[in-house]
Protein backbone atom coordinates (compact mmCIF):
# COMPACT_ATOMS: atom_id res chain seq x y z
CA MET A 1 14.70 4.93 -26.39
CA LYS A 2 11.72 2.87 -25.31
CA ILE A 3 8.11 4.01 -25.75
CA LYS A 4 7.72 4.77 -22.01
CA GLY A 5 10.74 7.09 -22.13
CA LYS A 6 9.37 8.90 -25.17
CA LEU A 7 5.96 9.31 -23.54
CA PHE A 8 7.61 10.72 -20.39
CA ILE A 9 9.53 13.31 -22.44
CA LEU A 10 6.33 14.25 -24.29
CA PHE A 11 4.50 14.62 -20.96
CA VAL A 12 7.22 16.99 -19.67
CA LEU A 13 6.92 19.03 -22.88
CA MET A 14 3.14 19.22 -22.40
CA ILE A 15 3.56 20.71 -18.91
CA TYR A 16 6.10 23.31 -20.07
CA ARG A 17 4.63 26.15 -22.15
CA PRO A 18 7.08 26.78 -24.99
CA VAL A 19 8.35 30.35 -25.32
CA PHE A 20 7.38 30.48 -28.98
CA ALA A 21 3.83 29.06 -28.65
CA GLN A 22 1.46 31.18 -30.71
CA ASP A 23 -2.07 32.42 -30.06
CA LYS A 24 -2.03 34.12 -33.48
CA GLY A 25 0.10 33.82 -36.60
CA PHE A 26 1.73 30.55 -37.68
CA THR A 27 1.46 27.68 -35.23
CA LEU A 28 2.52 24.04 -34.96
CA LEU A 29 0.91 21.44 -32.70
CA LEU A 30 2.11 17.85 -32.13
CA GLY A 31 0.93 15.13 -29.79
CA PRO A 32 -0.08 11.53 -29.10
CA ALA A 33 -3.61 10.11 -29.16
CA VAL A 34 -5.49 6.84 -28.87
CA ASN A 35 -8.15 5.80 -31.35
CA VAL A 36 -10.87 3.24 -31.83
CA ILE A 37 -12.43 2.12 -35.13
CA TYR A 38 -16.13 1.47 -35.70
CA GLY A 39 -17.06 -0.62 -38.73
CA SER A 40 -20.32 -2.29 -39.69
CA PRO A 41 -23.52 -1.23 -37.85
CA GLY A 42 -23.72 -4.54 -35.98
CA ASP A 43 -20.51 -3.94 -34.02
CA ARG A 44 -20.42 -0.17 -33.65
CA PHE A 45 -21.18 -0.02 -29.96
CA SER A 46 -19.27 -3.04 -28.70
CA TYR A 47 -15.99 -2.37 -26.90
CA SER A 48 -12.90 -4.49 -26.40
CA PRO A 49 -9.23 -3.64 -25.74
CA GLU A 50 -8.35 -5.01 -29.20
CA ARG A 51 -10.11 -1.98 -30.71
CA LEU A 52 -7.64 0.52 -29.20
CA SER A 53 -4.79 1.76 -31.36
CA TRP A 54 -2.41 4.71 -31.17
CA GLN A 55 -1.50 7.65 -33.39
CA LEU A 56 0.55 10.85 -33.51
CA ASN A 57 -1.35 14.00 -34.54
CA GLY A 58 0.12 17.11 -36.13
CA GLN A 59 -1.33 20.46 -37.15
CA PHE A 60 0.30 23.37 -38.94
CA GLY A 61 -1.57 26.51 -39.82
CA PHE A 62 -2.17 30.23 -39.58
CA ILE A 63 -4.38 31.62 -36.80
CA SER A 64 -6.05 34.98 -37.42
CA THR A 65 -7.72 37.01 -34.65
CA ARG A 66 -9.84 40.17 -34.82
CA GLY A 67 -11.06 42.80 -32.39
CA GLY A 68 -8.76 41.95 -29.49
CA THR A 69 -10.15 38.43 -29.03
CA ASN A 70 -7.97 35.36 -28.71
CA ARG A 71 -10.56 33.00 -30.28
CA GLY A 72 -9.33 33.17 -33.87
CA ASN A 73 -9.80 30.87 -36.84
CA MET A 74 -7.01 28.67 -38.19
CA LEU A 75 -6.52 27.55 -41.78
CA GLY A 76 -4.29 24.53 -41.66
CA ILE A 77 -2.93 21.18 -42.66
CA TYR A 78 -3.75 18.25 -40.37
CA ALA A 79 -1.81 14.99 -40.32
CA ALA A 80 -2.01 11.74 -38.39
CA ALA A 81 0.27 8.73 -38.42
CA GLY A 82 -0.11 5.66 -36.29
CA SER A 83 -0.72 1.97 -36.04
CA THR A 84 -3.99 0.06 -36.28
CA ASN A 85 -4.50 -3.11 -34.28
CA ALA A 86 -4.61 -6.21 -36.52
CA GLU A 87 -8.07 -7.08 -35.15
CA MET A 88 -9.34 -3.81 -36.65
CA ILE A 89 -7.82 -4.74 -40.02
CA ASN A 90 -9.90 -7.92 -39.78
CA LEU A 91 -12.94 -5.73 -39.11
CA LEU A 92 -12.24 -3.89 -42.40
CA ASN A 93 -11.92 -7.24 -44.13
CA GLY A 94 -15.23 -8.41 -42.64
CA SER A 95 -17.05 -5.25 -43.73
CA GLY A 96 -16.63 -6.04 -47.42
CA THR A 97 -13.29 -4.36 -48.16
CA GLU A 98 -11.37 -6.65 -50.49
CA LEU A 99 -8.06 -7.27 -48.71
CA GLN A 100 -5.47 -9.66 -50.08
CA GLY A 101 -4.61 -12.91 -48.32
CA GLU A 102 -5.17 -13.81 -44.68
CA ILE A 103 -4.46 -10.95 -42.25
CA ASN A 104 -1.45 -11.56 -39.99
CA THR A 105 -3.05 -10.98 -36.57
CA GLY A 106 0.32 -11.42 -34.84
CA LYS A 107 1.66 -8.26 -36.51
CA LYS A 108 1.74 -5.39 -34.01
CA LEU A 109 2.52 -2.52 -36.41
CA ASN A 110 -0.02 -1.84 -39.18
CA GLU A 111 0.78 1.77 -39.96
CA PHE A 112 -1.64 4.35 -41.35
CA TYR A 113 -1.21 7.91 -42.61
CA THR A 114 -3.79 10.65 -43.11
CA LEU A 115 -3.30 14.12 -44.59
CA GLU A 116 -6.12 16.68 -44.59
CA ALA A 117 -6.63 20.40 -45.18
CA GLY A 118 -9.28 22.46 -43.47
CA MET A 119 -10.12 24.97 -40.78
CA THR A 120 -10.40 25.23 -37.02
CA ILE A 121 -13.19 27.70 -36.23
CA MET A 122 -12.83 29.88 -33.11
CA LYS A 123 -9.85 27.67 -32.11
CA PHE A 124 -12.46 25.08 -31.10
CA LEU A 125 -14.26 23.30 -33.99
CA ARG A 126 -12.20 21.48 -36.64
CA VAL A 127 -13.55 20.67 -40.10
CA SER A 128 -11.15 19.09 -42.60
CA ALA A 129 -10.95 16.62 -45.49
CA GLY A 130 -8.24 14.74 -47.33
CA ILE A 131 -6.83 11.29 -48.08
CA GLY A 132 -5.48 8.37 -46.12
CA ARG A 133 -3.72 5.06 -46.46
CA GLN A 134 -3.76 1.98 -44.20
CA TYR A 135 -1.04 -0.66 -44.52
CA TYR A 136 -1.41 -4.23 -43.27
CA THR A 137 0.52 -7.50 -43.33
CA TYR A 138 -1.03 -10.62 -44.81
CA ASP A 139 0.13 -14.22 -45.27
CA ALA A 140 2.80 -13.70 -42.57
CA VAL A 141 5.12 -11.21 -44.37
CA LEU A 142 3.50 -9.64 -47.46
CA LYS A 143 2.33 -5.99 -47.31
CA GLY A 144 -0.98 -4.66 -48.58
CA GLU A 145 -2.64 -1.25 -48.46
CA VAL A 146 -6.10 0.29 -48.34
CA ASN A 147 -6.55 3.82 -49.75
CA TYR A 148 -9.47 6.02 -48.75
CA TYR A 149 -10.84 9.55 -48.57
CA SER A 150 -11.17 11.04 -45.11
CA GLY A 151 -13.14 13.81 -43.46
CA THR A 152 -12.77 14.90 -39.84
CA LEU A 153 -14.95 16.80 -37.41
CA GLY A 154 -13.20 17.61 -34.14
CA LEU A 155 -13.18 19.63 -30.94
CA SER A 156 -10.15 21.34 -29.42
CA PHE A 157 -9.99 22.51 -25.80
CA ASP A 158 -7.23 25.06 -25.02
CA LEU A 159 -5.51 24.13 -21.74
CA GLY A 160 -2.66 26.63 -22.01
CA ALA A 161 0.51 24.86 -23.11
CA VAL A 162 -1.47 22.01 -24.64
CA ASN A 163 -4.77 21.37 -26.41
CA TRP A 164 -6.98 18.41 -25.63
CA VAL A 165 -8.43 17.22 -28.95
CA MET A 166 -11.29 14.86 -29.77
CA ASP A 167 -11.75 13.91 -33.43
CA LEU A 168 -14.22 11.80 -35.38
CA GLN A 169 -12.86 10.77 -38.77
CA LEU A 170 -14.97 9.30 -41.57
CA MET A 171 -13.04 7.01 -43.94
CA THR A 172 -14.83 6.29 -47.20
CA GLY A 173 -14.41 5.55 -50.90
CA LYS A 174 -11.49 4.32 -52.99
CA ASP A 175 -10.69 0.81 -51.63
CA LEU A 176 -13.33 0.87 -48.87
CA ASN A 177 -16.71 -0.63 -49.78
CA GLN A 178 -18.30 0.69 -46.58
CA ASN A 179 -17.88 3.82 -44.45
CA VAL A 180 -15.66 3.38 -41.39
CA LEU A 181 -15.41 5.74 -38.40
CA ARG A 182 -12.24 6.35 -36.36
CA ALA A 183 -12.70 8.23 -33.07
CA SER A 184 -9.59 9.58 -31.33
CA THR A 185 -8.61 11.68 -28.36
CA GLY A 186 -5.28 13.00 -27.18
CA PHE A 187 -3.15 16.01 -26.25
CA MET A 188 -1.21 18.31 -28.55
CA VAL A 189 1.71 20.50 -27.49
CA LYS A 190 1.79 24.03 -29.00
CA PHE A 191 4.99 25.28 -30.62
């Protein structure tokens, strides 16, 4: 199934409110997002289409509510998996991160994975931290990886069957010699 077909199915799922969607108790959210990476201070505010990448977000946690309100807190696990544009891998390379070989800019899939634990306060403000890994292709076919710690601050807007999320992730430490920011926005379907 092509990407357009998968996105159409996901859109239909976002419109339909699942029978088992939870406003309290255990909950699962999944959905697509787009992201952009900001590297060294000199290029933080410049924009180009090469900066855009995609990801799939997931959240699993327990929502607790008190006093008849529906604005509870969620303790959870937050995951993201996606692909980073090769131009952004070059940005990491230019910011002092020691990457092997010459980055293959023709490679379309440079996957990354992030796993964090944290809390969503009042079903609105996300604070979480964890680890991540970015893969890249260099010298045409060889694979390399960059490991880092991650911390995320995010906002979640409840739209009924879906949440609109905006996250700002800080990637730092381990293989990164400089802090890097990844901003993302997307929709998550509640299950």
